[in-house]
Amino acid sequence: MNTNLVQSETVDAIALLTLNHPEKRNALSRAMLSALRDQLARLAALRGVRVVVLRAAGPVFSSGHDLRELSGTSGDDAASLFALCTEVMEAIRHLPQPVIAQVQGLATAAGCQLVATCDLVVAAEEAAFATPGVKIGLFCTTPGVALVRAVPAKKALEMLLTGAPVSAREAERLGLVNRVVPRDKLEAETMELARQIAAASGPTVALGKHAFYEQMPLECSAAYAVAQPIMTGNAQTHDAQEGMRAFLEKRPPQWER
């Protein structure tokens, strides 16, 4: 694992992952993606971590794939790189802990895909988002998978067809971003959101995240068919029973873990 490219620390049950290659605009190179994949796999097994914050060093969140790795490459090499990127995006979606993107600057192409894949997003007012691959003849097809699941289809296609950047405020209006805050409050606001989530039962949040994504693409009746047995099982867990008793007894709950 290259711990220099993706640095990790834990504060109050919140894991902070930092993309740390600012001189390359935190490009999602093969090495960066591998390091991020390995860090996510490590965190998935840690019960003491309840939330993950994904952030980046320097002025740019991520410029997307390193084009030097794609220019002149073979089809097999390109396929393995895109497969690795998909593996990372799916690892975020399947991670038990919610992942909050803390976006301080520009996120483009696969960098925008990374933001759209995260469960929640807090962005600085200066942040911007774009899928500009069409401008260099490489349509952002895989970034579009995450993008169209975060913003309305017509706006997603406009971003993909034009490559034009979207401001943080516009991204918030579209649903790509949850909160837009002044740059000097970005870290504090992100951590406050993370602490609110971390205060809940870890197993309950993990179950809820999994169920949310499982039912989301389904028609309403099919979604209820998935959600109802999950909620039934959830109601029988230690933390749910403890939480209900604590509410009725007007005291803070004591989670199992």
Protein backbone atom coordinates (compact mmCIF):
# COMPACT_ATOMS: atom_id res chain seq x y z
CA MET A 1 0.00 0.00 0.00
CA ASN A 2 1.38 3.45 -0.93
CA THR A 3 0.52 5.36 2.24
CA ASN A 4 2.06 8.55 0.86
CA LEU A 5 -0.51 8.90 -1.94
CA VAL A 6 -3.52 8.37 0.35
CA GLN A 7 -2.83 9.39 3.92
CA SER A 8 -5.04 8.17 6.74
CA GLU A 9 -5.75 9.24 10.31
CA THR A 10 -8.63 8.64 12.69
CA VAL A 11 -10.27 11.25 14.94
CA ASP A 12 -13.25 10.42 17.19
CA ALA A 13 -14.30 7.33 15.17
CA ILE A 14 -13.97 9.33 11.94
CA ALA A 15 -11.38 8.17 9.40
CA LEU A 16 -9.80 10.95 7.36
CA LEU A 17 -8.46 9.83 3.98
CA THR A 18 -6.44 12.46 2.13
CA LEU A 19 -5.52 12.25 -1.56
CA ASN A 20 -1.93 13.44 -1.33
CA HIS A 21 -0.45 14.13 -4.75
CA PRO A 22 -1.16 17.85 -5.18
CA GLU A 23 1.68 18.42 -7.66
CA LYS A 24 -0.23 16.09 -10.02
CA ARG A 25 -3.60 17.63 -9.13
CA ASN A 26 -4.42 14.43 -7.22
CA ALA A 27 -4.86 12.54 -10.47
CA LEU A 28 -6.41 9.10 -10.08
CA SER A 29 -3.38 7.26 -11.38
CA ARG A 30 -3.11 3.51 -11.11
CA ALA A 31 -0.99 3.96 -7.98
CA MET A 32 -3.47 6.43 -6.42
CA LEU A 33 -6.42 4.16 -7.14
CA SER A 34 -4.61 1.15 -5.73
CA ALA A 35 -3.74 3.04 -2.57
CA LEU A 36 -7.33 4.25 -2.16
CA ARG A 37 -8.68 0.73 -2.73
CA ASP A 38 -6.35 -0.67 -0.08
CA GLN A 39 -7.25 2.01 2.45
CA LEU A 40 -10.97 1.42 1.91
CA ALA A 41 -10.52 -2.33 2.38
CA ARG A 42 -8.66 -1.69 5.63
CA LEU A 43 -11.36 0.65 6.95
CA ALA A 44 -14.19 -1.72 6.05
CA ALA A 45 -12.94 -4.13 8.71
CA LEU A 46 -12.54 -1.54 11.48
CA ARG A 47 -15.52 -1.48 13.85
CA GLY A 48 -14.14 1.58 15.62
CA VAL A 49 -14.54 3.71 12.47
CA ARG A 50 -18.11 4.93 11.89
CA VAL A 51 -17.64 7.58 9.19
CA VAL A 52 -15.04 8.21 6.47
CA VAL A 53 -14.14 11.69 5.21
CA LEU A 54 -12.44 11.77 1.82
CA ARG A 55 -10.48 14.96 1.20
CA ALA A 56 -7.52 16.15 -0.86
CA ALA A 57 -4.31 18.12 -0.41
CA GLY A 58 -3.67 21.24 -2.49
CA PRO A 59 -6.01 23.44 -4.52
CA VAL A 60 -7.54 20.68 -6.69
CA PHE A 61 -9.66 17.83 -5.33
CA SER A 62 -8.88 15.53 -8.28
CA SER A 63 -8.31 16.03 -11.99
CA GLY A 64 -9.38 12.49 -12.83
CA HIS A 65 -7.32 9.85 -14.62
CA ASP A 66 -3.66 10.45 -15.38
CA LEU A 67 -3.80 10.82 -19.15
CA ARG A 68 -0.16 9.76 -19.43
CA GLU A 69 -1.30 6.30 -18.38
CA LEU A 70 -3.92 6.18 -21.15
CA SER A 71 -2.08 7.84 -24.02
CA GLY A 72 -0.61 5.19 -26.31
CA THR A 73 -1.62 2.35 -24.00
CA SER A 74 -2.91 -1.04 -25.07
CA GLY A 75 -6.55 -2.04 -24.81
CA ASP A 76 -5.74 -4.47 -22.02
CA ASP A 77 -3.94 -1.80 -19.99
CA ALA A 78 -6.79 0.66 -20.42
CA ALA A 79 -9.32 -2.00 -19.46
CA SER A 80 -7.43 -2.89 -16.29
CA LEU A 81 -7.15 0.77 -15.30
CA PHE A 82 -10.87 1.43 -15.78
CA ALA A 83 -11.66 -1.83 -13.95
CA LEU A 84 -9.54 -0.67 -11.01
CA CYS A 85 -11.36 2.67 -10.98
CA THR A 86 -14.73 0.89 -10.97
CA GLU A 87 -13.50 -1.33 -8.14
CA VAL A 88 -12.72 1.75 -6.05
CA MET A 89 -16.10 3.37 -6.78
CA GLU A 90 -17.93 0.17 -5.87
CA ALA A 91 -15.83 -0.18 -2.71
CA ILE A 92 -17.08 3.23 -1.57
CA ARG A 93 -20.69 2.27 -2.29
CA HIS A 94 -20.36 -1.04 -0.44
CA LEU A 95 -18.29 0.31 2.45
CA PRO A 96 -20.21 -0.16 5.72
CA GLN A 97 -19.36 3.38 6.80
CA PRO A 98 -20.84 6.45 5.09
CA VAL A 99 -18.27 8.39 3.05
CA ILE A 100 -18.33 12.20 3.00
CA ALA A 101 -16.39 13.98 0.27
CA GLN A 102 -14.81 17.22 1.49
CA VAL A 103 -14.27 19.13 -1.75
CA GLN A 104 -12.09 22.22 -1.61
CA GLY A 105 -11.53 22.82 -5.34
CA LEU A 106 -12.00 21.46 -8.84
CA ALA A 107 -13.17 17.86 -9.35
CA THR A 108 -13.11 16.75 -12.98
CA ALA A 109 -13.75 13.57 -14.98
CA ALA A 110 -13.05 10.57 -12.73
CA GLY A 111 -12.50 13.07 -9.91
CA CYS A 112 -16.10 14.21 -10.38
CA GLN A 113 -17.07 10.53 -10.51
CA LEU A 114 -15.37 10.03 -7.15
CA VAL A 115 -17.34 12.90 -5.62
CA ALA A 116 -20.64 11.68 -7.10
CA THR A 117 -19.96 8.19 -5.73
CA CYS A 118 -19.50 9.38 -2.14
CA ASP A 119 -22.58 9.19 0.05
CA LEU A 120 -22.53 12.85 1.06
CA VAL A 121 -20.63 15.91 -0.20
CA VAL A 122 -19.61 19.14 1.51
CA ALA A 123 -18.02 21.65 -0.85
CA ALA A 124 -16.27 24.98 -0.53
CA GLU A 125 -17.79 27.90 -2.41
CA GLU A 126 -14.80 27.82 -4.79
CA ALA A 127 -15.31 24.17 -5.74
CA ALA A 128 -16.43 23.20 -9.24
CA PHE A 129 -17.33 19.98 -11.01
CA ALA A 130 -16.93 18.90 -14.62
CA THR A 131 -16.81 15.88 -16.93
CA PRO A 132 -14.73 17.36 -19.78
CA GLY A 133 -13.57 14.17 -21.48
CA VAL A 134 -15.57 14.96 -24.61
CA LYS A 135 -13.20 17.87 -25.28
CA ILE A 136 -10.27 15.49 -25.77
CA GLY A 137 -12.21 12.77 -27.58
CA LEU A 138 -12.61 10.54 -24.52
CA PHE A 139 -16.24 10.68 -23.41
CA CYS A 140 -16.66 10.41 -19.62
CA THR A 141 -18.76 7.26 -19.90
CA THR A 142 -17.86 5.66 -16.57
CA PRO A 143 -17.97 8.97 -14.65
CA GLY A 144 -21.45 9.36 -16.14
CA VAL A 145 -22.62 6.25 -14.27
CA ALA A 146 -22.11 7.94 -10.91
CA LEU A 147 -23.09 11.40 -12.16
CA VAL A 148 -26.53 10.41 -13.47
CA ARG A 149 -27.28 8.75 -10.15
CA ALA A 150 -26.60 12.03 -8.37
CA VAL A 151 -28.14 14.67 -10.66
CA PRO A 152 -31.09 14.76 -13.08
CA ALA A 153 -30.44 12.91 -16.34
CA LYS A 154 -30.69 15.90 -18.68
CA LYS A 155 -28.25 17.94 -16.60
CA ALA A 156 -25.89 14.99 -16.35
CA LEU A 157 -25.94 14.59 -20.13
CA GLU A 158 -25.37 18.32 -20.60
CA MET A 159 -22.29 18.12 -18.38
CA LEU A 160 -21.06 15.08 -20.31
CA LEU A 161 -21.74 16.56 -23.76
CA THR A 162 -20.28 20.03 -23.12
CA GLY A 163 -17.63 19.41 -20.48
CA ALA A 164 -18.57 22.77 -18.98
CA PRO A 165 -17.89 23.13 -15.24
CA VAL A 166 -20.69 23.45 -12.72
CA SER A 167 -20.23 25.73 -9.71
CA ALA A 168 -20.60 24.50 -6.16
CA ARG A 169 -23.88 26.36 -5.75
CA GLU A 170 -25.29 24.89 -8.96
CA ALA A 171 -24.08 21.44 -7.89
CA GLU A 172 -25.93 21.89 -4.60
CA ARG A 173 -29.10 22.88 -6.44
CA LEU A 174 -28.82 19.79 -8.64
CA GLY A 175 -28.24 17.42 -5.72
CA LEU A 176 -24.59 16.54 -6.39
CA VAL A 177 -23.56 18.46 -3.25
CA ASN A 178 -25.27 18.46 0.15
CA ARG A 179 -23.78 21.65 1.58
CA VAL A 180 -21.75 24.59 0.28
CA VAL A 181 -19.76 26.53 2.85
CA PRO A 182 -17.04 29.20 2.94
CA ARG A 183 -13.57 27.78 2.34
CA ASP A 184 -12.40 28.60 5.86
CA LYS A 185 -15.30 26.62 7.35
CA LEU A 186 -15.06 23.58 5.08
CA GLU A 187 -13.22 21.30 7.48
CA ALA A 188 -15.29 22.29 10.51
CA GLU A 189 -18.61 21.85 8.69
CA THR A 190 -17.56 18.49 7.27
CA MET A 191 -16.43 17.23 10.65
CA GLU A 192 -19.65 18.43 12.30
CA LEU A 193 -21.66 16.43 9.76
CA ALA A 194 -19.41 13.42 10.30
CA ARG A 195 -19.81 13.63 14.09
CA GLN A 196 -23.61 13.75 13.78
CA ILE A 197 -23.49 10.47 11.86
CA ALA A 198 -20.82 8.93 14.11
CA ALA A 199 -23.05 9.49 17.14
CA ALA A 200 -25.50 6.88 15.83
CA SER A 201 -25.18 3.12 16.12
CA GLY A 202 -22.49 1.94 13.70
CA PRO A 203 -24.20 -1.35 12.76
CA THR A 204 -27.50 0.47 12.24
CA VAL A 205 -25.92 3.05 9.93
CA ALA A 206 -24.14 0.29 7.98
CA LEU A 207 -27.39 -1.62 7.57
CA GLY A 208 -29.21 1.52 6.53
CA LYS A 209 -26.62 2.49 3.93
CA HIS A 210 -26.71 -0.98 2.40
CA ALA A 211 -30.51 -1.05 2.31
CA PHE A 212 -30.71 2.44 0.81
CA TYR A 213 -28.61 1.53 -2.21
CA GLU A 214 -30.28 -1.87 -2.61
CA GLN A 215 -33.79 -0.42 -2.86
CA MET A 216 -32.95 2.83 -4.68
CA PRO A 217 -33.04 1.54 -8.30
CA LEU A 218 -36.20 -0.52 -7.76
CA GLU A 219 -39.83 0.27 -8.54
CA CYS A 220 -41.74 1.30 -5.41
CA SER A 221 -43.42 -2.03 -4.65
CA ALA A 222 -40.18 -3.95 -5.21
CA ALA A 223 -38.34 -1.44 -3.03
CA TYR A 224 -40.76 -2.02 -0.17
CA ALA A 225 -40.29 -5.78 -0.62
CA VAL A 226 -36.58 -5.24 0.01
CA ALA A 227 -36.91 -2.63 2.75
CA GLN A 228 -39.61 -4.21 4.92
CA PRO A 229 -37.73 -7.39 5.96
CA ILE A 230 -34.56 -5.39 6.52
CA MET A 231 -36.39 -3.02 8.86
CA THR A 232 -38.07 -5.95 10.59
CA GLY A 233 -34.70 -7.51 11.31
CA ASN A 234 -33.26 -4.16 12.35
CA ALA A 235 -36.04 -3.72 14.91
CA GLN A 236 -34.89 -6.88 16.70
CA THR A 237 -31.25 -5.86 17.06
CA HIS A 238 -29.66 -4.88 20.35
CA ASP A 239 -29.09 -1.27 19.31
CA ALA A 240 -32.64 -0.75 18.04
CA GLN A 241 -34.12 -2.16 21.24
CA GLU A 242 -31.69 -0.09 23.31
CA GLY A 243 -32.45 3.05 21.29
CA MET A 244 -36.20 2.67 21.74
CA ARG A 245 -35.84 2.04 25.48
CA ALA A 246 -33.54 5.03 25.84
CA PHE A 247 -36.03 7.26 24.01
CA LEU A 248 -38.90 6.11 26.22
CA GLU A 249 -36.77 6.49 29.35
CA LYS A 250 -35.50 9.90 28.23
CA ARG A 251 -31.80 9.00 28.44
CA PRO A 252 -28.92 8.72 25.97
CA PRO A 253 -28.64 5.29 24.30
CA GLN A 254 -25.68 3.02 24.99
CA TRP A 255 -24.78 1.39 21.69
CA GLU A 256 -23.38 -2.12 21.58
CA ARG A 257 -20.38 -0.91 19.61
